[in-house]
Amino acid sequence: MSNETLPQVRIDLLVLYCSDLPSCHDFYRNLGLVFERERHGGGPEHYAATLAADAVLELYPAGSGAATKRVRVGLTISHSGLRAPLLTPGSHVLHDPEGRTVDLHVIP
């Protein structure tokens, strides 16, 4: 498929529902994401991080019966931004506290 036929669409928002919101917040924060606490109207307090190209990753508390594992997330992160510097540059497959697969590409 050539680039001329691809729709001009990008992902602007990804919401992950978390049974253990504090642990998920720590996991993604340790990958270098910077979160702000938010609340919209009467909705639940949650965390939001702005990524490249103004995409937003939000971590929400899971309601009762919410499925939390059926997502795979891919992130490219600078090694210098990691709070957990044990990861070397290259590709890694991690699992967040909810069991979601996180494909992490660490660049030098």
N, C-alpha and C. Protein backbone atom coordinates (compact mmCIF):
# COMPACT_ATOMS: atom_id res chain seq x y z
N MET A 1 0.85 -1.18 0.00
CA MET A 1 0.00 0.00 0.00
C MET A 1 0.90 1.24 0.00
N SER A 2 0.69 2.13 -0.93
CA SER A 2 1.51 3.34 -0.99
C SER A 2 1.00 4.38 -0.01
N ASN A 3 1.86 5.33 0.33
CA ASN A 3 1.48 6.39 1.26
C ASN A 3 0.34 7.25 0.72
N GLU A 4 0.19 7.31 -0.60
CA GLU A 4 -0.87 8.13 -1.19
C GLU A 4 -2.25 7.59 -0.88
N THR A 5 -2.36 6.29 -0.61
CA THR A 5 -3.66 5.71 -0.34
C THR A 5 -3.98 5.60 1.15
N LEU A 6 -3.01 5.93 2.00
CA LEU A 6 -3.24 5.85 3.44
C LEU A 6 -4.05 7.05 3.92
N PRO A 7 -5.03 6.81 4.78
CA PRO A 7 -5.77 7.95 5.33
C PRO A 7 -4.87 8.76 6.26
N GLN A 8 -5.11 10.04 6.33
CA GLN A 8 -4.33 10.91 7.20
C GLN A 8 -4.95 10.89 8.60
N VAL A 9 -4.71 9.80 9.30
CA VAL A 9 -5.29 9.59 10.62
C VAL A 9 -4.17 9.26 11.58
N ARG A 10 -4.25 9.78 12.78
CA ARG A 10 -3.29 9.42 13.82
C ARG A 10 -4.06 9.21 15.12
N ILE A 11 -3.46 8.49 16.03
CA ILE A 11 -4.09 8.29 17.34
C ILE A 11 -3.76 9.50 18.20
N ASP A 12 -4.79 10.14 18.74
CA ASP A 12 -4.61 11.31 19.59
C ASP A 12 -4.79 10.98 21.07
N LEU A 13 -5.51 9.90 21.36
CA LEU A 13 -5.84 9.58 22.74
C LEU A 13 -5.87 8.08 22.92
N LEU A 14 -5.23 7.62 24.00
CA LEU A 14 -5.30 6.22 24.41
C LEU A 14 -5.60 6.23 25.89
N VAL A 15 -6.70 5.56 26.27
CA VAL A 15 -7.11 5.48 27.67
C VAL A 15 -6.93 4.05 28.13
N LEU A 16 -6.16 3.88 29.21
CA LEU A 16 -5.99 2.58 29.83
C LEU A 16 -6.75 2.57 31.15
N TYR A 17 -7.66 1.60 31.30
CA TYR A 17 -8.40 1.47 32.54
C TYR A 17 -7.62 0.54 33.46
N CYS A 18 -7.43 0.96 34.71
CA CYS A 18 -6.52 0.29 35.64
C CYS A 18 -7.21 -0.10 36.93
N SER A 19 -7.10 -1.39 37.27
CA SER A 19 -7.62 -1.86 38.56
C SER A 19 -6.77 -1.33 39.70
N ASP A 20 -5.47 -1.22 39.46
CA ASP A 20 -4.53 -0.70 40.46
C ASP A 20 -3.90 0.56 39.88
N LEU A 21 -4.62 1.65 39.95
CA LEU A 21 -4.19 2.91 39.34
C LEU A 21 -2.85 3.40 39.89
N PRO A 22 -2.59 3.38 41.20
CA PRO A 22 -1.29 3.86 41.69
C PRO A 22 -0.11 3.06 41.12
N SER A 23 -0.24 1.74 41.03
CA SER A 23 0.86 0.93 40.48
C SER A 23 1.09 1.20 39.00
N CYS A 24 0.00 1.35 38.25
CA CYS A 24 0.13 1.65 36.82
C CYS A 24 0.74 3.04 36.63
N HIS A 25 0.32 3.99 37.42
CA HIS A 25 0.88 5.34 37.35
C HIS A 25 2.38 5.28 37.58
N ASP A 26 2.83 4.56 38.60
CA ASP A 26 4.27 4.42 38.88
C ASP A 26 5.00 3.74 37.73
N PHE A 27 4.41 2.68 37.17
CA PHE A 27 5.05 1.94 36.08
C PHE A 27 5.32 2.86 34.89
N TYR A 28 4.30 3.57 34.43
CA TYR A 28 4.47 4.42 33.25
C TYR A 28 5.30 5.67 33.57
N ARG A 29 5.20 6.17 34.78
CA ARG A 29 6.03 7.31 35.20
C ARG A 29 7.51 6.90 35.19
N ASN A 30 7.79 5.66 35.61
CA ASN A 30 9.17 5.18 35.60
C ASN A 30 9.71 4.99 34.19
N LEU A 31 8.84 4.93 33.19
CA LEU A 31 9.27 4.90 31.79
C LEU A 31 9.53 6.30 31.25
N GLY A 32 9.35 7.32 32.10
CA GLY A 32 9.65 8.68 31.70
C GLY A 32 8.45 9.53 31.33
N LEU A 33 7.24 8.98 31.40
CA LEU A 33 6.05 9.78 31.09
C LEU A 33 5.78 10.74 32.24
N VAL A 34 5.37 11.94 31.91
CA VAL A 34 5.07 12.97 32.91
C VAL A 34 3.55 13.15 32.93
N PHE A 35 2.95 12.85 34.07
CA PHE A 35 1.50 12.88 34.20
C PHE A 35 1.02 14.08 34.99
N GLU A 36 -0.17 14.53 34.63
CA GLU A 36 -0.91 15.54 35.38
C GLU A 36 -2.19 14.88 35.89
N ARG A 37 -2.60 15.23 37.08
CA ARG A 37 -3.90 14.76 37.58
C ARG A 37 -4.99 15.58 36.91
N GLU A 38 -6.06 14.90 36.52
CA GLU A 38 -7.19 15.58 35.87
C GLU A 38 -8.50 15.03 36.40
N ARG A 39 -9.52 15.83 36.23
CA ARG A 39 -10.90 15.41 36.48
C ARG A 39 -11.77 16.25 35.59
N HIS A 40 -12.63 15.61 34.82
CA HIS A 40 -13.52 16.32 33.91
C HIS A 40 -14.94 16.24 34.46
N GLY A 41 -15.48 17.40 34.84
CA GLY A 41 -16.84 17.42 35.38
C GLY A 41 -16.96 16.52 36.59
N GLY A 42 -17.96 15.64 36.58
CA GLY A 42 -18.18 14.71 37.68
C GLY A 42 -17.48 13.39 37.50
N GLY A 43 -16.58 13.30 36.50
CA GLY A 43 -15.87 12.04 36.23
C GLY A 43 -14.81 11.76 37.28
N PRO A 44 -14.20 10.59 37.19
CA PRO A 44 -13.19 10.20 38.17
C PRO A 44 -11.87 10.94 37.97
N GLU A 45 -11.14 11.09 39.05
CA GLU A 45 -9.78 11.63 38.94
C GLU A 45 -8.93 10.59 38.21
N HIS A 46 -8.08 11.08 37.32
CA HIS A 46 -7.22 10.20 36.53
C HIS A 46 -5.93 10.92 36.21
N TYR A 47 -5.04 10.25 35.48
CA TYR A 47 -3.75 10.84 35.11
C TYR A 47 -3.67 10.94 33.59
N ALA A 48 -3.05 12.02 33.10
CA ALA A 48 -2.89 12.23 31.66
C ALA A 48 -1.45 12.66 31.38
N ALA A 49 -0.85 12.05 30.35
CA ALA A 49 0.49 12.41 29.91
C ALA A 49 0.42 12.76 28.43
N THR A 50 1.01 13.89 28.06
CA THR A 50 1.08 14.29 26.66
C THR A 50 2.34 13.70 26.05
N LEU A 51 2.17 13.03 24.91
CA LEU A 51 3.26 12.36 24.22
C LEU A 51 3.63 13.17 22.97
N ALA A 52 4.50 12.62 22.16
CA ALA A 52 4.88 13.28 20.91
C ALA A 52 3.65 13.47 20.04
N ALA A 53 3.69 14.51 19.20
CA ALA A 53 2.61 14.85 18.28
C ALA A 53 1.30 15.11 19.02
N ASP A 54 1.41 15.55 20.27
CA ASP A 54 0.26 15.92 21.10
C ASP A 54 -0.72 14.78 21.38
N ALA A 55 -0.29 13.54 21.22
CA ALA A 55 -1.11 12.41 21.63
C ALA A 55 -1.15 12.39 23.16
N VAL A 56 -2.22 11.84 23.72
CA VAL A 56 -2.38 11.80 25.17
C VAL A 56 -2.62 10.36 25.61
N LEU A 57 -1.90 9.95 26.65
CA LEU A 57 -2.13 8.66 27.30
C LEU A 57 -2.76 8.96 28.65
N GLU A 58 -3.95 8.40 28.88
CA GLU A 58 -4.64 8.61 30.15
C GLU A 58 -4.77 7.29 30.89
N LEU A 59 -4.60 7.36 32.19
CA LEU A 59 -4.79 6.22 33.08
C LEU A 59 -6.01 6.51 33.94
N TYR A 60 -7.04 5.69 33.78
CA TYR A 60 -8.31 5.85 34.51
C TYR A 60 -8.50 4.69 35.47
N PRO A 61 -9.18 4.94 36.59
CA PRO A 61 -9.54 3.81 37.44
C PRO A 61 -10.57 2.94 36.72
N ALA A 62 -10.39 1.62 36.79
CA ALA A 62 -11.34 0.71 36.16
C ALA A 62 -12.59 0.61 37.01
N GLY A 63 -13.73 0.66 36.38
CA GLY A 63 -14.98 0.44 37.09
C GLY A 63 -15.15 -1.06 37.33
N SER A 64 -16.18 -1.42 38.04
CA SER A 64 -16.40 -2.84 38.32
C SER A 64 -16.65 -3.59 37.02
N GLY A 65 -15.97 -4.70 36.87
CA GLY A 65 -16.16 -5.54 35.70
C GLY A 65 -15.45 -5.06 34.45
N ALA A 66 -14.66 -3.99 34.53
CA ALA A 66 -13.96 -3.48 33.34
C ALA A 66 -12.79 -4.39 32.99
N ALA A 67 -12.67 -4.72 31.71
CA ALA A 67 -11.53 -5.52 31.24
C ALA A 67 -10.33 -4.60 31.12
N THR A 68 -9.19 -5.01 31.66
CA THR A 68 -8.02 -4.13 31.65
C THR A 68 -6.84 -4.70 30.88
N LYS A 69 -6.84 -5.96 30.50
CA LYS A 69 -5.64 -6.58 29.92
C LYS A 69 -5.64 -6.65 28.40
N ARG A 70 -6.71 -6.38 27.74
CA ARG A 70 -6.81 -6.63 26.31
C ARG A 70 -6.28 -5.48 25.46
N VAL A 71 -5.11 -4.96 25.83
CA VAL A 71 -4.48 -3.88 25.08
C VAL A 71 -2.99 -4.17 25.00
N ARG A 72 -2.40 -3.83 23.87
CA ARG A 72 -0.94 -3.90 23.72
C ARG A 72 -0.50 -2.49 23.38
N VAL A 73 0.50 -1.99 24.10
CA VAL A 73 0.97 -0.62 23.93
C VAL A 73 2.39 -0.65 23.40
N GLY A 74 2.69 0.17 22.42
CA GLY A 74 4.05 0.30 21.91
C GLY A 74 4.56 1.71 22.17
N LEU A 75 5.71 1.82 22.78
CA LEU A 75 6.29 3.13 23.10
C LEU A 75 7.75 3.17 22.66
N THR A 76 8.17 4.33 22.15
CA THR A 76 9.58 4.59 21.88
C THR A 76 10.01 5.67 22.85
N ILE A 77 11.05 5.39 23.61
CA ILE A 77 11.46 6.27 24.70
C ILE A 77 12.97 6.46 24.66
N SER A 78 13.41 7.68 24.96
CA SER A 78 14.84 7.96 25.06
C SER A 78 15.39 7.36 26.34
N HIS A 79 16.55 6.73 26.25
CA HIS A 79 17.17 6.12 27.43
C HIS A 79 17.37 7.15 28.53
N SER A 80 17.71 8.38 28.16
CA SER A 80 17.97 9.42 29.17
C SER A 80 16.70 9.82 29.91
N GLY A 81 15.51 9.54 29.36
CA GLY A 81 14.26 9.89 30.02
C GLY A 81 13.75 8.85 30.98
N LEU A 82 14.36 7.66 30.97
CA LEU A 82 13.89 6.58 31.83
C LEU A 82 14.19 6.87 33.29
N ARG A 83 13.23 6.62 34.15
CA ARG A 83 13.48 6.70 35.58
C ARG A 83 13.99 5.36 36.09
N ALA A 84 13.79 4.32 35.28
CA ALA A 84 14.28 2.99 35.60
C ALA A 84 15.41 2.68 34.61
N PRO A 85 16.63 3.20 34.85
CA PRO A 85 17.69 3.12 33.85
C PRO A 85 18.28 1.71 33.66
N LEU A 86 17.68 0.70 34.26
CA LEU A 86 18.19 -0.65 34.09
C LEU A 86 17.98 -1.17 32.68
N LEU A 87 17.06 -0.57 31.93
CA LEU A 87 16.81 -1.00 30.57
C LEU A 87 17.87 -0.42 29.64
N THR A 88 18.45 -1.28 28.84
CA THR A 88 19.47 -0.84 27.89
C THR A 88 18.80 -0.42 26.59
N PRO A 89 19.47 0.39 25.77
CA PRO A 89 18.90 0.70 24.46
C PRO A 89 18.59 -0.58 23.68
N GLY A 90 17.49 -0.55 22.97
CA GLY A 90 17.05 -1.71 22.20
C GLY A 90 15.58 -1.98 22.45
N SER A 91 15.13 -3.14 22.05
CA SER A 91 13.72 -3.51 22.18
C SER A 91 13.51 -4.39 23.40
N HIS A 92 12.45 -4.10 24.12
CA HIS A 92 12.10 -4.84 25.33
C HIS A 92 10.60 -5.10 25.33
N VAL A 93 10.19 -6.21 25.89
CA VAL A 93 8.77 -6.49 26.09
C VAL A 93 8.55 -6.54 27.59
N LEU A 94 7.71 -5.64 28.08
CA LEU A 94 7.40 -5.55 29.51
C LEU A 94 5.92 -5.83 29.71
N HIS A 95 5.53 -5.98 30.95
CA HIS A 95 4.12 -6.08 31.30
C HIS A 95 3.84 -5.10 32.43
N ASP A 96 2.81 -4.29 32.25
CA ASP A 96 2.47 -3.34 33.30
C ASP A 96 1.76 -4.07 34.44
N PRO A 97 1.45 -3.37 35.54
CA PRO A 97 0.83 -4.05 36.68
C PRO A 97 -0.51 -4.70 36.40
N GLU A 98 -1.17 -4.33 35.29
CA GLU A 98 -2.45 -4.94 34.92
C GLU A 98 -2.26 -6.14 34.00
N GLY A 99 -1.00 -6.43 33.59
CA GLY A 99 -0.73 -7.54 32.72
C GLY A 99 -0.71 -7.19 31.24
N ARG A 100 -0.90 -5.90 30.90
CA ARG A 100 -0.85 -5.48 29.50
C ARG A 100 0.57 -5.57 28.98
N THR A 101 0.72 -5.99 27.73
CA THR A 101 2.04 -6.06 27.11
C THR A 101 2.44 -4.66 26.66
N VAL A 102 3.67 -4.26 26.99
CA VAL A 102 4.21 -2.98 26.58
C VAL A 102 5.47 -3.27 25.78
N ASP A 103 5.38 -3.00 24.47
CA ASP A 103 6.56 -3.12 23.59
C ASP A 103 7.32 -1.81 23.71
N LEU A 104 8.50 -1.88 24.27
CA LEU A 104 9.28 -0.68 24.55
C LEU A 104 10.52 -0.68 23.68
N HIS A 105 10.70 0.39 22.91
CA HIS A 105 11.91 0.58 22.12
C HIS A 105 12.67 1.74 22.77
N VAL A 106 13.81 1.42 23.37
CA VAL A 106 14.63 2.42 24.07
C VAL A 106 15.72 2.87 23.11
N ILE A 107 15.76 4.17 22.86
CA ILE A 107 16.79 4.73 21.97
C ILE A 107 17.86 5.42 22.81
N PRO A 108 19.13 5.37 22.36
CA PRO A 108 20.22 5.98 23.14
C PRO A 108 20.08 7.48 23.26
